PDB file of N, CA and C in Angstrom:
ATOM      1  N   UNK A   1      15.575 130.863  28.973  1.00  0.00           N
ATOM      2  CA  UNK A   1      14.238 130.313  29.132  1.00  0.00           C
ATOM      3  C   UNK A   1      14.068 129.033  28.314  1.00  0.00           C
ATOM      4  N   UNK A   2      14.596 129.032  27.099  1.00  0.00           N
ATOM      5  CA  UNK A   2      14.485 127.863  26.225  1.00  0.00           C
ATOM      6  C   UNK A   2      15.211 126.653  26.826  1.00  0.00           C
ATOM      7  N   UNK A   3      16.349 126.884  27.445  1.00  0.00           N
ATOM      8  CA  UNK A   3      17.124 125.804  28.044  1.00  0.00           C
ATOM      9  C   UNK A   3      16.348 125.149  29.187  1.00  0.00           C
ATOM     10  N   UNK A   4      15.645 125.936  29.989  1.00  0.00           N
ATOM     11  CA  UNK A   4      14.849 125.413  31.094  1.00  0.00           C
ATOM     12  C   UNK A   4      13.718 124.537  30.567  1.00  0.00           C
ATOM     13  N   UNK A   5      13.071 124.959  29.501  1.00  0.00           N
ATOM     14  CA  UNK A   5      11.990 124.159  28.915  1.00  0.00           C
ATOM     15  C   UNK A   5      12.542 122.852  28.361  1.00  0.00           C
ATOM     16  N   UNK A   6      13.722 122.900  27.766  1.00  0.00           N
ATOM     17  CA  UNK A   6      14.348 121.706  27.209  1.00  0.00           C
ATOM     18  C   UNK A   6      14.677 120.699  28.311  1.00  0.00           C
ATOM     19  N   UNK A   7      15.208 121.188  29.417  1.00  0.00           N
ATOM     20  CA  UNK A   7      15.528 120.311  30.548  1.00  0.00           C
ATOM     21  C   UNK A   7      14.250 119.722  31.129  1.00  0.00           C
ATOM     22  N   UNK A   8      13.209 120.542  31.237  1.00  0.00           N
ATOM     23  CA  UNK A   8      11.924 120.081  31.772  1.00  0.00           C
ATOM     24  C   UNK A   8      11.359 118.951  30.907  1.00  0.00           C
ATOM     25  N   UNK A   9      11.402 119.121  29.591  1.00  0.00           N
ATOM     26  CA  UNK A   9      10.893 118.088  28.686  1.00  0.00           C
ATOM     27  C   UNK A   9      11.756 116.827  28.748  1.00  0.00           C
ATOM     28  N   UNK A  10      13.063 116.991  28.882  1.00  0.00           N
ATOM     29  CA  UNK A  10      13.954 115.835  28.971  1.00  0.00           C
ATOM     30  C   UNK A  10      13.664 115.038  30.237  1.00  0.00           C
ATOM     31  N   UNK A  11      13.484 115.702  31.360  1.00  0.00           N
ATOM     32  CA  UNK A  11      13.167 115.027  32.620  1.00  0.00           C
ATOM     33  C   UNK A  11      11.811 114.350  32.513  1.00  0.00           C
ATOM     34  N   UNK A  12      10.848 115.045  31.914  1.00  0.00           N
ATOM     35  CA  UNK A  12       9.509 114.468  31.758  1.00  0.00           C
ATOM     36  C   UNK A  12       9.563 113.210  30.886  1.00  0.00           C
ATOM     37  N   UNK A  13      10.313 113.246  29.788  1.00  0.00           N
ATOM     38  CA  UNK A  13      10.452 112.081  28.914  1.00  0.00           C
ATOM     39  C   UNK A  13      11.177 110.943  29.633  1.00  0.00           C
ATOM     40  N   UNK A  14      12.173 111.273  30.442  1.00  0.00           N
ATOM     41  CA  UNK A  14      12.910 110.261  31.197  1.00  0.00           C
ATOM     42  C   UNK A  14      11.986 109.547  32.181  1.00  0.00           C
ATOM     43  N   UNK A  15      11.202 110.326  32.947  1.00  0.00           N
ATOM     44  CA  UNK A  15      10.294 109.723  33.918  1.00  0.00           C
ATOM     45  C   UNK A  15       9.216 108.894  33.236  1.00  0.00           C
ATOM     46  N   UNK A  16       8.715 109.392  32.114  1.00  0.00           N
ATOM     47  CA  UNK A  16       7.712 108.626  31.375  1.00  0.00           C
ATOM     48  C   UNK A  16       8.325 107.324  30.869  1.00  0.00           C
ATOM     49  N   UNK A  17       9.565 107.377  30.413  1.00  0.00           N
ATOM     50  CA  UNK A  17      10.235 106.178  29.936  1.00  0.00           C
ATOM     51  C   UNK A  17      10.460 105.150  31.029  1.00  0.00           C
ATOM     52  N   UNK A  18      10.677 105.622  32.242  1.00  0.00           N
ATOM     53  CA  UNK A  18      10.871 104.702  33.365  1.00  0.00           C
ATOM     54  C   UNK A  18       9.568 104.003  33.735  1.00  0.00           C
ATOM     55  N   UNK A  19       8.462 104.745  33.752  1.00  0.00           N
ATOM     56  CA  UNK A  19       7.206 104.209  34.275  1.00  0.00           C
ATOM     57  C   UNK A  19       6.243 103.677  33.221  1.00  0.00           C
ATOM     58  N   UNK A  20       6.504 103.931  31.950  1.00  0.00           N
ATOM     59  CA  UNK A  20       5.587 103.494  30.909  1.00  0.00           C
ATOM     60  C   UNK A  20       6.198 102.372  30.097  1.00  0.00           C
ATOM     61  N   UNK A  21       5.338 101.507  29.626  1.00  0.00           N
ATOM     62  CA  UNK A  21       5.722 100.498  28.659  1.00  0.00           C
ATOM     63  C   UNK A  21       5.040 100.861  27.349  1.00  0.00           C
ATOM     64  N   UNK A  22       5.020  99.978  26.399  1.00  0.00           N
ATOM     65  CA  UNK A  22       4.510 100.298  25.066  1.00  0.00           C
ATOM     66  C   UNK A  22       3.050 100.759  25.085  1.00  0.00           C
ATOM     67  N   UNK A  23       2.221 100.116  25.858  1.00  0.00           N
ATOM     68  CA  UNK A  23       0.789 100.417  25.843  1.00  0.00           C
ATOM     69  C   UNK A  23       0.374 101.501  26.822  1.00  0.00           C
ATOM     70  N   UNK A  24       1.129 101.723  27.874  1.00  0.00           N
ATOM     71  CA  UNK A  24       0.738 102.702  28.882  1.00  0.00           C
ATOM     72  C   UNK A  24       1.547 102.518  30.142  1.00  0.00           C
ATOM     73  N   UNK A  25       1.106 103.150  31.224  1.00  0.00           N
ATOM     74  CA  UNK A  25       1.867 103.050  32.471  1.00  0.00           C
ATOM     75  C   UNK A  25       1.836 101.627  33.038  1.00  0.00           C
ATOM     76  N   UNK A  26       2.949 101.238  33.638  1.00  0.00           N
ATOM     77  CA  UNK A  26       3.080  99.918  34.235  1.00  0.00           C
ATOM     78  C   UNK A  26       2.950 100.057  35.753  1.00  0.00           C
ATOM     79  N   UNK A  27       2.005  99.338  36.339  1.00  0.00           N
ATOM     80  CA  UNK A  27       1.786  99.423  37.781  1.00  0.00           C
ATOM     81  C   UNK A  27       3.028  99.016  38.558  1.00  0.00           C
ATOM     82  N   UNK A  28       3.695  97.952  38.140  1.00  0.00           N
ATOM     83  CA  UNK A  28       4.870  97.500  38.880  1.00  0.00           C
ATOM     84  C   UNK A  28       5.998  98.525  38.795  1.00  0.00           C
ATOM     85  N   UNK A  29       6.140  99.177  37.658  1.00  0.00           N
ATOM     86  CA  UNK A  29       7.177 100.205  37.536  1.00  0.00           C
ATOM     87  C   UNK A  29       6.840 101.431  38.367  1.00  0.00           C
ATOM     88  N   UNK A  30       5.579 101.831  38.378  1.00  0.00           N
ATOM     89  CA  UNK A  30       5.173 102.986  39.184  1.00  0.00           C
ATOM     90  C   UNK A  30       5.418 102.698  40.662  1.00  0.00           C
ATOM     91  N   UNK A  31       5.076 101.494  41.119  1.00  0.00           N
ATOM     92  CA  UNK A  31       5.302 101.136  42.517  1.00  0.00           C
ATOM     93  C   UNK A  31       6.787 101.099  42.855  1.00  0.00           C
ATOM     94  N   UNK A  32       7.605 100.630  41.928  1.00  0.00           N
ATOM     95  CA  UNK A  32       9.053 100.598  42.143  1.00  0.00           C
ATOM     96  C   UNK A  32       9.616 102.010  42.262  1.00  0.00           C
ATOM     97  N   UNK A  33       9.214 102.887  41.366  1.00  0.00           N
ATOM     98  CA  UNK A  33       9.681 104.281  41.426  1.00  0.00           C
ATOM     99  C   UNK A  33       9.206 104.940  42.718  1.00  0.00           C
ATOM    100  N   UNK A  34       7.975 104.663  43.121  1.00  0.00           N
ATOM    101  CA  UNK A  34       7.456 105.223  44.369  1.00  0.00           C
ATOM    102  C   UNK A  34       8.260 104.722  45.569  1.00  0.00           C
ATOM    103  N   UNK A  35       8.614 103.441  45.588  1.00  0.00           N
ATOM    104  CA  UNK A  35       9.387 102.882  46.704  1.00  0.00           C
ATOM    105  C   UNK A  35      10.762 103.542  46.798  1.00  0.00           C
ATOM    106  N   UNK A  36      11.422 103.728  45.659  1.00  0.00           N
ATOM    107  CA  UNK A  36      12.732 104.382  45.656  1.00  0.00           C
ATOM    108  C   UNK A  36      12.605 105.839  46.089  1.00  0.00           C
ATOM    109  N   UNK A  37      11.578 106.522  45.608  1.00  0.00           N
ATOM    110  CA  UNK A  37      11.339 107.913  45.992  1.00  0.00           C
ATOM    111  C   UNK A  37      11.083 108.017  47.496  1.00  0.00           C
ATOM    112  N   UNK A  38      10.229 107.169  48.036  1.00  0.00           N
ATOM    113  CA  UNK A  38       9.924 107.182  49.463  1.00  0.00           C
ATOM    114  C   UNK A  38      11.171 106.891  50.289  1.00  0.00           C
ATOM    115  N   UNK A  39      11.956 105.914  49.878  1.00  0.00           N
ATOM    116  CA  UNK A  39      13.198 105.588  50.568  1.00  0.00           C
ATOM    117  C   UNK A  39      14.132 106.797  50.596  1.00  0.00           C
ATOM    118  N   UNK A  40      14.272 107.474  49.460  1.00  0.00           N
ATOM    119  CA  UNK A  40      15.156 108.638  49.367  1.00  0.00           C
ATOM    120  C   UNK A  40      14.678 109.773  50.253  1.00  0.00           C
ATOM    121  N   UNK A  41      13.390 110.075  50.205  1.00  0.00           N
ATOM    122  CA  UNK A  41      12.844 111.186  51.002  1.00  0.00           C
ATOM    123  C   UNK A  41      12.982 110.902  52.496  1.00  0.00           C
ATOM    124  N   UNK A  42      12.624 109.715  52.920  1.00  0.00           N
ATOM    125  CA  UNK A  42      12.710 109.379  54.352  1.00  0.00           C
ATOM    126  C   UNK A  42      14.164 109.387  54.811  1.00  0.00           C
ATOM    127  N   UNK A  43      15.056 108.850  54.020  1.00  0.00           N
ATOM    128  CA  UNK A  43      16.474 108.826  54.385  1.00  0.00           C
ATOM    129  C   UNK A  43      17.033 110.241  54.513  1.00  0.00           C
ATOM    130  N   UNK A  44      16.749 111.086  53.532  1.00  0.00           N
ATOM    131  CA  UNK A  44      17.236 112.465  53.592  1.00  0.00           C
ATOM    132  C   UNK A  44      16.645 113.218  54.779  1.00  0.00           C
ATOM    133  N   UNK A  45      15.372 112.992  55.066  1.00  0.00           N
ATOM    134  CA  UNK A  45      14.759 113.634  56.220  1.00  0.00           C
ATOM    135  C   UNK A  45      15.469 113.217  57.509  1.00  0.00           C
ATOM    136  N   UNK A  46      15.696 111.921  57.671  1.00  0.00           N
ATOM    137  CA  UNK A  46      16.345 111.449  58.895  1.00  0.00           C
ATOM    138  C   UNK A  46      17.764 111.986  59.024  1.00  0.00           C
ATOM    139  N   UNK A  47      18.482 112.063  57.915  1.00  0.00           N
ATOM    140  CA  UNK A  47      19.856 112.555  57.951  1.00  0.00           C
ATOM    141  C   UNK A  47      19.896 114.033  58.300  1.00  0.00           C
ATOM    142  N   UNK A  48      19.123 114.843  57.580  1.00  0.00           N
ATOM    143  CA  UNK A  48      19.190 116.289  57.778  1.00  0.00           C
ATOM    144  C   UNK A  48      18.507 116.762  59.053  1.00  0.00           C
ATOM    145  N   UNK A  49      17.521 116.026  59.535  1.00  0.00           N
ATOM    146  CA  UNK A  49      16.863 116.392  60.784  1.00  0.00           C
ATOM    147  C   UNK A  49      17.615 115.854  61.995  1.00  0.00           C
ATOM    148  N   UNK A  50      18.560 114.957  61.770  1.00  0.00           N
ATOM    149  CA  UNK A  50      19.337 114.401  62.868  1.00  0.00           C
ATOM    150  C   UNK A  50      18.561 113.413  63.716  1.00  0.00           C
ATOM    151  N   UNK A  51      17.546 112.797  63.138  1.00  0.00           N
ATOM    152  CA  UNK A  51      16.738 111.820  63.868  1.00  0.00           C
ATOM    153  C   UNK A  51      17.251 110.414  63.606  1.00  0.00           C
ATOM    154  N   UNK A  52      16.875 109.525  64.492  1.00  0.00           N
ATOM    155  CA  UNK A  52      17.121 108.105  64.248  1.00  0.00           C
ATOM    156  C   UNK A  52      15.781 107.393  64.322  1.00  0.00           C
ATOM    157  N   UNK A  53      15.704 106.270  63.676  1.00  0.00           N
ATOM    158  CA  UNK A  53      14.466 105.506  63.635  1.00  0.00           C
ATOM    159  C   UNK A  53      14.828 104.060  63.914  1.00  0.00           C
ATOM    160  N   UNK A  54      14.239 103.519  64.947  1.00  0.00           N
ATOM    161  CA  UNK A  54      14.589 102.182  65.403  1.00  0.00           C
ATOM    162  C   UNK A  54      14.374 101.125  64.330  1.00  0.00           C
ATOM    163  N   UNK A  55      13.364 101.302  63.484  1.00  0.00           N
ATOM    164  CA  UNK A  55      13.025 100.292  62.483  1.00  0.00           C
ATOM    165  C   UNK A  55      13.426 100.716  61.071  1.00  0.00           C
ATOM    166  N   UNK A  56      14.410 101.590  60.970  1.00  0.00           N
ATOM    167  CA  UNK A  56      14.848 102.051  59.655  1.00  0.00           C
ATOM    168  C   UNK A  56      15.393 100.904  58.801  1.00  0.00           C
ATOM    169  N   UNK A  57      16.095  99.966  59.414  1.00  0.00           N
ATOM    170  CA  UNK A  57      16.645  98.848  58.644  1.00  0.00           C
ATOM    171  C   UNK A  57      15.546  98.025  57.987  1.00  0.00           C
ATOM    172  N   UNK A  58      14.431  97.850  58.690  1.00  0.00           N
ATOM    173  CA  UNK A  58      13.296  97.132  58.106  1.00  0.00           C
ATOM    174  C   UNK A  58      12.703  97.915  56.944  1.00  0.00           C
ATOM    175  N   UNK A  59      12.521  99.215  57.159  1.00  0.00           N
ATOM    176  CA  UNK A  59      11.999 100.079  56.105  1.00  0.00           C
ATOM    177  C   UNK A  59      12.907 100.065  54.877  1.00  0.00           C
ATOM    178  N   UNK A  60      14.203 100.203  55.085  1.00  0.00           N
ATOM    179  CA  UNK A  60      15.156 100.234  53.968  1.00  0.00           C
ATOM    180  C   UNK A  60      15.159  98.893  53.226  1.00  0.00           C
ATOM    181  N   UNK A  61      15.075  97.820  53.946  1.00  0.00           N
ATOM    182  CA  UNK A  61      15.033  96.506  53.303  1.00  0.00           C
ATOM    183  C   UNK A  61      13.783  96.302  52.469  1.00  0.00           C
ATOM    184  N   UNK A  62      12.656  96.744  53.002  1.00  0.00           N
ATOM    185  CA  UNK A  62      11.398  96.609  52.258  1.00  0.00           C
ATOM    186  C   UNK A  62      11.381  97.542  51.052  1.00  0.00           C
ATOM    187  N   UNK A  63      11.797  98.780  51.234  1.00  0.00           N
ATOM    188  CA  UNK A  63      11.789  99.745  50.124  1.00  0.00           C
ATOM    189  C   UNK A  63      12.786  99.336  49.044  1.00  0.00           C
ATOM    190  N   UNK A  64      13.984  98.969  49.432  1.00  0.00           N
ATOM    191  CA  UNK A  64      14.994  98.554  48.457  1.00  0.00           C
ATOM    192  C   UNK A  64      14.674  97.203  47.856  1.00  0.00           C
ATOM    193  N   UNK A  65      14.342  96.249  48.687  1.00  0.00           N
ATOM    194  CA  UNK A  65      13.985  94.919  48.193  1.00  0.00           C
ATOM    195  C   UNK A  65      12.692  94.932  47.406  1.00  0.00           C
ATOM    196  N   UNK A  66      11.772  95.793  47.807  1.00  0.00           N
ATOM    197  CA  UNK A  66      10.520  95.925  47.065  1.00  0.00           C
ATOM    198  C   UNK A  66      10.757  96.442  45.660  1.00  0.00           C
ATOM    199  N   UNK A  67      11.711  97.351  45.525  1.00  0.00           N
ATOM    200  CA  UNK A  67      12.050  97.851  44.194  1.00  0.00           C
ATOM    201  C   UNK A  67      12.631  96.762  43.323  1.00  0.00           C
ATOM    202  N   UNK A  68      13.524  95.976  43.896  1.00  0.00           N
ATOM    203  CA  UNK A  68      14.137  94.869  43.156  1.00  0.00           C
ATOM    204  C   UNK A  68      13.092  93.818  42.796  1.00  0.00           C
ATOM    205  N   UNK A  69      12.292  93.408  43.765  1.00  0.00           N
ATOM    206  CA  UNK A  69      11.272  92.397  43.488  1.00  0.00           C
ATOM    207  C   UNK A  69      10.198  92.923  42.548  1.00  0.00           C
ATOM    208  N   UNK A  70       9.944  94.234  42.601  1.00  0.00           N
ATOM    209  CA  UNK A  70       8.991  94.832  41.667  1.00  0.00           C
ATOM    210  C   UNK A  70       9.459  94.705  40.236  1.00  0.00           C
ATOM    211  N   UNK A  71      10.745  94.897  40.003  1.00  0.00           N
ATOM    212  CA  UNK A  71      11.281  94.761  38.647  1.00  0.00           C
ATOM    213  C   UNK A  71      11.278  93.303  38.193  1.00  0.00           C
ATOM    214  N   UNK A  72      11.572  92.386  39.098  1.00  0.00           N
ATOM    215  CA  UNK A  72      11.515  90.963  38.758  1.00  0.00           C
ATOM    216  C   UNK A  72      10.074  90.580  38.422  1.00  0.00           C
ATOM    217  N   UNK A  73       9.132  91.056  39.225  1.00  0.00           N
ATOM    218  CA  UNK A  73       7.715  90.800  38.951  1.00  0.00           C
ATOM    219  C   UNK A  73       7.276  91.407  37.636  1.00  0.00           C
ATOM    220  N   UNK A  74       7.753  92.604  37.337  1.00  0.00           N
ATOM    221  CA  UNK A  74       7.424  93.263  36.082  1.00  0.00           C
ATOM    222  C   UNK A  74       7.925  92.443  34.896  1.00  0.00           C
ATOM    223  N   UNK A  75       9.146  91.939  34.987  1.00  0.00           N
ATOM    224  CA  UNK A  75       9.715  91.123  33.913  1.00  0.00           C
ATOM    225  C   UNK A  75       8.906  89.834  33.732  1.00  0.00           C
ATOM    226  N   UNK A  76       8.512  89.206  34.831  1.00  0.00           N
ATOM    227  CA  UNK A  76       7.712  87.982  34.755  1.00  0.00           C
ATOM    228  C   UNK A  76       6.371  88.252  34.091  1.00  0.00           C
ATOM    229  N   UNK A  77       5.697  89.314  34.520  1.00  0.00           N
ATOM    230  CA  UNK A  77       4.384  89.652  33.952  1.00  0.00           C
ATOM    231  C   UNK A  77       4.512  89.937  32.463  1.00  0.00           C
ATOM    232  N   UNK A  78       5.522  90.714  32.086  1.00  0.00           N
ATOM    233  CA  UNK A  78       5.709  91.017  30.669  1.00  0.00           C
ATOM    234  C   UNK A  78       6.011  89.768  29.862  1.00  0.00           C
ATOM    235  N   UNK A  79       6.831  88.876  30.409  1.00  0.00           N
ATOM    236  CA  UNK A  79       7.182  87.659  29.690  1.00  0.00           C
ATOM    237  C   UNK A  79       6.004  86.703  29.566  1.00  0.00           C
ATOM    238  N   UNK A  80       5.189  86.656  30.602  1.00  0.00           N
ATOM    239  CA  UNK A  80       4.104  85.677  30.640  1.00  0.00           C
ATOM    240  C   UNK A  80       2.833  86.174  29.943  1.00  0.00           C
ATOM    241  N   UNK A  81       2.476  87.448  30.144  1.00  0.00           N
ATOM    242  CA  UNK A  81       1.153  87.911  29.725  1.00  0.00           C
ATOM    243  C   UNK A  81       1.151  89.000  28.649  1.00  0.00           C
ATOM    244  N   UNK A  82       2.236  89.693  28.450  1.00  0.00           N
ATOM    245  CA  UNK A  82       2.223  90.839  27.545  1.00  0.00           C
ATOM    246  C   UNK A  82       2.938  90.571  26.229  1.00  0.00           C
ATOM    247  N   UNK A  83       2.832  89.397  25.713  1.00  0.00           N
ATOM    248  CA  UNK A  83       3.444  89.059  24.431  1.00  0.00           C
ATOM    249  C   UNK A  83       2.399  89.198  23.331  1.00  0.00           C
ATOM    250  N   UNK A  84       2.857  89.575  22.168  1.00  0.00           N
ATOM    251  CA  UNK A  84       1.954  89.601  21.024  1.00  0.00           C
ATOM    252  C   UNK A  84       1.760  88.175  20.533  1.00  0.00           C
ATOM    253  N   UNK A  85       0.674  87.885  19.824  1.00  0.00           N
ATOM    254  CA  UNK A  85       0.451  86.519  19.322  1.00  0.00           C
ATOM    255  C   UNK A  85       1.583  86.040  18.424  1.00  0.00           C
ATOM    256  N   UNK A  86       2.209  86.932  17.674  1.00  0.00           N
ATOM    257  CA  UNK A  86       3.291  86.538  16.782  1.00  0.00           C
ATOM    258  C   UNK A  86       4.517  86.068  17.575  1.00  0.00           C
ATOM    259  N   UNK A  87       4.761  86.669  18.753  1.00  0.00           N
ATOM    260  CA  UNK A  87       5.908  86.294  19.578  1.00  0.00           C
ATOM    261  C   UNK A  87       5.724  84.915  20.196  1.00  0.00           C
ATOM    262  N   UNK A  88       4.485  84.464  20.346  1.00  0.00           N
ATOM    263  CA  UNK A  88       4.231  83.207  21.061  1.00  0.00           C
ATOM    264  C   UNK A  88       3.970  82.050  20.116  1.00  0.00           C
ATOM    265  N   UNK A  89       4.052  82.253  18.790  1.00  0.00           N
ATOM    266  CA  UNK A  89       3.819  81.171  17.848  1.00  0.00           C
ATOM    267  C   UNK A  89       4.818  80.040  18.068  1.00  0.00           C
ATOM    268  N   UNK A  90       4.318  78.825  18.165  1.00  0.00           N
ATOM    269  CA  UNK A  90       5.186  77.671  18.310  1.00  0.00           C
ATOM    270  C   UNK A  90       5.735  77.458  19.702  1.00  0.00           C
ATOM    271  N   UNK A  91       5.307  78.244  20.661  1.00  0.00           N
ATOM    272  CA  UNK A  91       5.796  78.075  22.046  1.00  0.00           C
ATOM    273  C   UNK A  91       4.777  77.299  22.862  1.00  0.00           C
ATOM    274  N   UNK A  92       5.272  76.629  23.861  1.00  0.00           N
ATOM    275  CA  UNK A  92       4.435  75.917  24.802  1.00  0.00           C
ATOM    276  C   UNK A  92       3.687  76.944  25.652  1.00  0.00           C
ATOM    277  N   UNK A  93       2.344  76.895  25.726  1.00  0.00           N
ATOM    278  CA  UNK A  93       1.600  77.907  26.494  1.00  0.00           C
ATOM    279  C   UNK A  93       1.849  77.854  27.984  1.00  0.00           C
ATOM    280  N   UNK A  94       2.432  76.815  28.515  1.00  0.00           N
ATOM    281  CA  UNK A  94       2.656  76.688  29.946  1.00  0.00           C
ATOM    282  C   UNK A  94       3.841  77.394  30.354  1.00  0.00           C
TER     283      UNK A  94
END
């Protein structure tokens, strides 16, 4: 029983670490995790149900590319807007 609780807490801490930044949850990270989750669920459903989807390539490109662009956007937002005043001393505000 103790081992199950330990694994549960480890998974919970891992997911929180993926979606949270220092101050709280990050919208771009949550959207990225959701896109990867949706891609995985839809792909597994199509594989195991034996279905095909005419526009799957578009969906996969948006879900996968959306995850990548979400992380790039997250990095830009953090670099541009989420700096402490001490980190920006002596830097050009532009």
